[in-house]
N, C-alpha and C. Protein backbone atom coordinates (compact mmCIF):
# COMPACT_ATOMS: atom_id res chain seq x y z
N UNK A 1 0.82 -1.19 0.00
CA UNK A 1 0.00 0.00 0.00
C UNK A 1 0.87 1.27 0.00
N UNK A 2 1.92 1.26 0.80
CA UNK A 2 2.81 2.43 0.87
C UNK A 2 3.51 2.66 -0.46
N UNK A 3 3.84 1.58 -1.16
CA UNK A 3 4.51 1.70 -2.45
C UNK A 3 3.59 2.38 -3.47
N UNK A 4 2.30 2.02 -3.46
CA UNK A 4 1.34 2.66 -4.36
C UNK A 4 1.23 4.15 -4.08
N UNK A 5 1.21 4.50 -2.81
CA UNK A 5 1.11 5.91 -2.42
C UNK A 5 2.31 6.69 -2.92
N UNK A 6 3.49 6.12 -2.83
CA UNK A 6 4.70 6.79 -3.30
C UNK A 6 4.64 6.99 -4.81
N UNK A 7 4.18 5.99 -5.53
CA UNK A 7 4.07 6.10 -6.99
C UNK A 7 3.06 7.18 -7.36
N UNK A 8 1.93 7.21 -6.70
CA UNK A 8 0.89 8.21 -6.99
C UNK A 8 1.42 9.62 -6.72
N UNK A 9 2.09 9.81 -5.60
CA UNK A 9 2.66 11.12 -5.27
C UNK A 9 3.70 11.53 -6.31
N UNK A 10 4.55 10.61 -6.73
CA UNK A 10 5.57 10.92 -7.72
C UNK A 10 4.95 11.32 -9.05
N UNK A 11 3.91 10.62 -9.47
CA UNK A 11 3.23 10.95 -10.72
C UNK A 11 2.61 12.33 -10.62
N UNK A 12 1.97 12.64 -9.53
CA UNK A 12 1.34 13.96 -9.37
C UNK A 12 2.37 15.08 -9.33
N UNK A 13 3.50 14.85 -8.69
CA UNK A 13 4.52 15.88 -8.59
C UNK A 13 5.28 16.11 -9.88
N UNK A 14 5.60 15.04 -10.59
CA UNK A 14 6.49 15.15 -11.74
C UNK A 14 5.83 14.92 -13.09
N UNK A 15 4.62 14.46 -13.13
CA UNK A 15 4.00 14.11 -14.40
C UNK A 15 2.79 14.95 -14.75
N UNK A 16 2.65 16.11 -14.16
CA UNK A 16 1.49 16.95 -14.43
C UNK A 16 1.46 17.45 -15.85
N UNK A 17 0.27 17.68 -16.42
CA UNK A 17 0.15 18.10 -17.80
C UNK A 17 0.62 19.53 -18.06
N UNK A 18 0.76 20.33 -17.03
CA UNK A 18 1.12 21.73 -17.22
C UNK A 18 2.63 21.97 -17.18
N UNK A 19 3.41 20.90 -17.18
CA UNK A 19 4.86 21.05 -17.16
C UNK A 19 5.32 21.59 -18.51
N UNK A 20 6.06 22.67 -18.47
CA UNK A 20 6.53 23.30 -19.72
C UNK A 20 7.85 22.70 -20.14
N UNK A 21 8.06 22.66 -21.44
CA UNK A 21 9.32 22.18 -21.98
C UNK A 21 9.89 23.18 -22.95
N UNK A 22 11.22 23.32 -22.98
CA UNK A 22 11.88 24.23 -23.92
C UNK A 22 12.20 23.48 -25.21
N UNK A 23 11.83 24.09 -26.32
CA UNK A 23 12.06 23.52 -27.65
C UNK A 23 12.89 24.53 -28.44
N UNK A 24 13.96 24.06 -29.06
CA UNK A 24 14.79 24.92 -29.90
C UNK A 24 14.19 24.99 -31.30
N UNK A 25 14.08 26.20 -31.82
CA UNK A 25 13.55 26.44 -33.17
C UNK A 25 14.61 27.19 -33.97
N UNK A 26 14.51 27.18 -35.31
CA UNK A 26 15.46 27.93 -36.13
C UNK A 26 15.37 29.44 -35.88
N UNK A 27 16.35 30.17 -36.39
CA UNK A 27 16.32 31.63 -36.30
C UNK A 27 15.13 32.18 -37.08
N UNK A 28 14.52 33.25 -36.55
CA UNK A 28 13.44 33.95 -37.23
C UNK A 28 13.65 35.45 -37.05
N UNK A 29 13.23 36.21 -38.03
CA UNK A 29 13.36 37.66 -37.95
C UNK A 29 12.25 38.22 -37.07
N UNK A 30 12.41 39.49 -36.69
CA UNK A 30 11.38 40.19 -35.92
C UNK A 30 10.06 40.15 -36.69
N UNK A 31 10.12 40.45 -38.00
CA UNK A 31 8.91 40.48 -38.82
C UNK A 31 8.22 39.12 -38.87
N UNK A 32 8.98 38.04 -38.95
CA UNK A 32 8.40 36.70 -39.00
C UNK A 32 7.69 36.36 -37.69
N UNK A 33 8.32 36.68 -36.57
CA UNK A 33 7.70 36.39 -35.28
C UNK A 33 6.46 37.25 -35.07
N UNK A 34 6.54 38.52 -35.43
CA UNK A 34 5.38 39.41 -35.29
C UNK A 34 4.22 38.93 -36.15
N UNK A 35 4.49 38.53 -37.39
CA UNK A 35 3.43 38.04 -38.27
C UNK A 35 2.79 36.77 -37.71
N UNK A 36 3.59 35.84 -37.24
CA UNK A 36 3.06 34.61 -36.66
C UNK A 36 2.24 34.92 -35.41
N UNK A 37 2.74 35.82 -34.60
CA UNK A 37 2.06 36.21 -33.37
C UNK A 37 0.69 36.82 -33.67
N UNK A 38 0.67 37.74 -34.63
CA UNK A 38 -0.60 38.37 -35.01
C UNK A 38 -1.59 37.34 -35.55
N UNK A 39 -1.10 36.35 -36.29
CA UNK A 39 -2.00 35.38 -36.91
C UNK A 39 -2.64 34.43 -35.91
N UNK A 40 -2.05 34.28 -34.72
CA UNK A 40 -2.63 33.39 -33.71
C UNK A 40 -3.23 34.16 -32.53
N UNK A 41 -3.29 35.48 -32.63
CA UNK A 41 -3.91 36.27 -31.57
C UNK A 41 -3.06 36.47 -30.34
N UNK A 42 -1.74 36.34 -30.48
CA UNK A 42 -0.85 36.48 -29.33
C UNK A 42 -0.43 37.91 -29.08
N UNK A 43 0.45 38.08 -28.11
CA UNK A 43 0.98 39.40 -27.77
C UNK A 43 2.48 39.41 -28.09
N UNK A 44 2.85 40.27 -29.04
CA UNK A 44 4.25 40.42 -29.45
C UNK A 44 4.95 41.38 -28.50
N UNK A 45 6.21 41.10 -28.21
CA UNK A 45 7.01 42.03 -27.39
C UNK A 45 8.45 42.00 -27.88
N UNK A 46 9.15 43.08 -27.59
CA UNK A 46 10.54 43.21 -27.99
C UNK A 46 11.30 43.93 -26.89
N UNK A 47 12.54 43.51 -26.64
CA UNK A 47 13.38 44.19 -25.66
C UNK A 47 14.76 44.40 -26.27
N UNK A 48 15.70 44.83 -25.47
CA UNK A 48 17.04 45.16 -25.97
C UNK A 48 17.81 43.94 -26.47
N UNK A 49 17.39 42.73 -26.08
CA UNK A 49 18.14 41.53 -26.43
C UNK A 49 17.44 40.62 -27.43
N UNK A 50 16.15 40.85 -27.66
CA UNK A 50 15.43 39.96 -28.56
C UNK A 50 13.96 40.31 -28.66
N UNK A 51 13.17 39.36 -29.11
CA UNK A 51 11.76 39.58 -29.39
C UNK A 51 11.03 38.26 -29.25
N UNK A 52 9.72 38.35 -29.03
CA UNK A 52 8.97 37.11 -28.86
C UNK A 52 7.48 37.33 -28.88
N UNK A 53 6.78 36.24 -28.61
CA UNK A 53 5.32 36.24 -28.61
C UNK A 53 4.84 35.28 -27.53
N UNK A 54 3.72 35.65 -26.91
CA UNK A 54 3.10 34.79 -25.92
C UNK A 54 1.62 34.63 -26.21
N UNK A 55 1.12 33.40 -26.03
CA UNK A 55 -0.30 33.14 -26.21
C UNK A 55 -0.81 32.26 -25.08
N UNK A 56 -2.14 32.13 -25.04
CA UNK A 56 -2.74 31.19 -24.11
C UNK A 56 -2.88 29.81 -24.76
N UNK A 57 -2.30 29.63 -25.92
CA UNK A 57 -2.32 28.42 -26.74
C UNK A 57 -3.65 28.19 -27.46
N UNK A 58 -4.62 29.08 -27.24
CA UNK A 58 -5.96 28.88 -27.80
C UNK A 58 -6.47 30.12 -28.51
N UNK A 59 -5.60 30.97 -29.03
CA UNK A 59 -6.03 32.11 -29.81
C UNK A 59 -6.11 33.43 -29.09
N UNK A 60 -5.48 33.54 -27.94
CA UNK A 60 -5.46 34.80 -27.21
C UNK A 60 -4.11 35.05 -26.57
N UNK A 61 -3.88 36.27 -26.10
CA UNK A 61 -2.61 36.57 -25.44
C UNK A 61 -2.48 35.78 -24.13
N UNK A 62 -1.27 35.49 -23.76
CA UNK A 62 -1.03 34.77 -22.52
C UNK A 62 0.42 34.33 -22.45
N UNK A 63 0.70 33.40 -21.53
CA UNK A 63 2.07 32.93 -21.35
C UNK A 63 2.17 31.41 -21.33
N UNK A 64 1.12 30.70 -21.70
CA UNK A 64 1.17 29.24 -21.72
C UNK A 64 2.04 28.72 -22.86
N UNK A 65 2.02 29.40 -23.99
CA UNK A 65 2.84 29.04 -25.15
C UNK A 65 3.62 30.28 -25.56
N UNK A 66 4.94 30.19 -25.53
CA UNK A 66 5.76 31.36 -25.86
C UNK A 66 6.89 30.99 -26.81
N UNK A 67 7.30 31.98 -27.59
CA UNK A 67 8.49 31.87 -28.44
C UNK A 67 9.32 33.11 -28.20
N UNK A 68 10.61 32.94 -27.94
CA UNK A 68 11.50 34.08 -27.73
C UNK A 68 12.75 33.86 -28.56
N UNK A 69 13.16 34.90 -29.28
CA UNK A 69 14.36 34.84 -30.12
C UNK A 69 15.35 35.90 -29.65
N UNK A 70 16.53 35.48 -29.28
CA UNK A 70 17.60 36.42 -28.97
C UNK A 70 18.17 36.89 -30.29
N UNK A 71 18.53 38.15 -30.36
CA UNK A 71 19.07 38.72 -31.60
C UNK A 71 20.19 37.86 -32.15
N UNK A 72 20.05 37.41 -33.41
CA UNK A 72 21.09 36.65 -34.09
C UNK A 72 21.23 35.20 -33.66
N UNK A 73 20.33 34.70 -32.82
CA UNK A 73 20.43 33.32 -32.34
C UNK A 73 19.16 32.54 -32.67
N UNK A 74 19.22 31.25 -32.42
CA UNK A 74 18.03 30.41 -32.59
C UNK A 74 16.95 30.83 -31.61
N UNK A 75 15.72 30.50 -31.92
CA UNK A 75 14.59 30.84 -31.05
C UNK A 75 14.32 29.68 -30.10
N UNK A 76 13.67 29.99 -29.00
CA UNK A 76 13.28 28.99 -28.02
C UNK A 76 11.78 29.10 -27.79
N UNK A 77 11.12 27.96 -27.83
CA UNK A 77 9.68 27.90 -27.55
C UNK A 77 9.48 27.20 -26.22
N UNK A 78 8.50 27.67 -25.47
CA UNK A 78 8.06 26.98 -24.27
C UNK A 78 6.61 26.62 -24.47
N UNK A 79 6.32 25.34 -24.35
CA UNK A 79 4.96 24.84 -24.57
C UNK A 79 4.56 23.95 -23.41
N UNK A 80 3.27 23.73 -23.27
CA UNK A 80 2.77 22.88 -22.19
C UNK A 80 2.36 21.53 -22.73
N UNK A 81 2.18 20.60 -21.85
CA UNK A 81 1.61 19.28 -22.13
C UNK A 81 2.48 18.40 -23.02
N UNK A 82 3.79 18.58 -22.99
CA UNK A 82 4.69 17.69 -23.70
C UNK A 82 4.63 17.75 -25.21
N UNK A 83 4.09 18.82 -25.77
CA UNK A 83 4.04 18.95 -27.22
C UNK A 83 5.44 19.18 -27.77
N UNK A 84 5.66 18.81 -29.04
CA UNK A 84 6.95 18.99 -29.70
C UNK A 84 6.74 19.74 -31.02
N UNK A 85 6.51 21.04 -30.96
CA UNK A 85 6.27 21.79 -32.19
C UNK A 85 7.53 21.86 -33.06
N UNK A 86 7.29 22.00 -34.38
CA UNK A 86 8.40 22.08 -35.32
C UNK A 86 8.57 23.46 -35.92
N UNK A 87 7.61 24.35 -35.66
CA UNK A 87 7.72 25.72 -36.15
C UNK A 87 7.02 26.67 -35.19
N UNK A 88 7.15 27.95 -35.46
CA UNK A 88 6.63 28.99 -34.56
C UNK A 88 5.12 28.89 -34.39
N UNK A 89 4.39 28.72 -35.49
CA UNK A 89 2.93 28.64 -35.39
C UNK A 89 2.49 27.45 -34.55
N UNK A 90 3.12 26.31 -34.73
CA UNK A 90 2.78 25.14 -33.92
C UNK A 90 3.10 25.36 -32.44
N UNK A 91 4.12 26.15 -32.16
CA UNK A 91 4.49 26.41 -30.77
C UNK A 91 3.50 27.35 -30.08
N UNK A 92 2.89 28.25 -30.86
CA UNK A 92 2.02 29.27 -30.26
C UNK A 92 0.56 28.87 -30.16
N UNK A 93 0.19 27.73 -30.73
CA UNK A 93 -1.20 27.28 -30.62
C UNK A 93 -1.24 25.76 -30.56
N UNK A 94 -2.26 25.23 -29.91
CA UNK A 94 -2.41 23.78 -29.87
C UNK A 94 -3.01 23.31 -31.19
N UNK A 95 -2.69 22.10 -31.60
CA UNK A 95 -3.27 21.59 -32.84
C UNK A 95 -4.80 21.53 -32.76
N UNK A 96 -5.45 21.60 -33.89
CA UNK A 96 -6.91 21.60 -33.95
C UNK A 96 -7.51 20.43 -33.18
N UNK A 97 -6.92 19.26 -33.26
CA UNK A 97 -7.50 18.09 -32.60
C UNK A 97 -7.46 18.18 -31.08
N UNK A 98 -6.67 19.13 -30.54
CA UNK A 98 -6.56 19.29 -29.09
C UNK A 98 -7.23 20.55 -28.56
N UNK A 99 -7.97 21.23 -29.40
CA UNK A 99 -8.63 22.47 -28.96
C UNK A 99 -9.69 22.17 -27.93
N UNK A 100 -9.92 23.14 -27.03
CA UNK A 100 -10.95 22.99 -26.00
C UNK A 100 -12.32 23.11 -26.60
């Protein structure tokens, strides 16, 4: 019985669906990120070191799905639920089959 309890606690602590993962994406220009961001309803931002977009993963601004590009470097996406996007648009929204 104690062994089952330990397994259940471990799954709840480390296997939750909201765990974010970092995904490396190719370099993108400011214009490319802004266009992708606008097309999915996200919020574009830019600072002294780079630029990015954040969405709620479902067509609105938020921070559940983000892409950030440092000037002159590859971009990094953070997504929830163990997804493995291959491009910026996939990183900023969930696939149609997973929509709420």
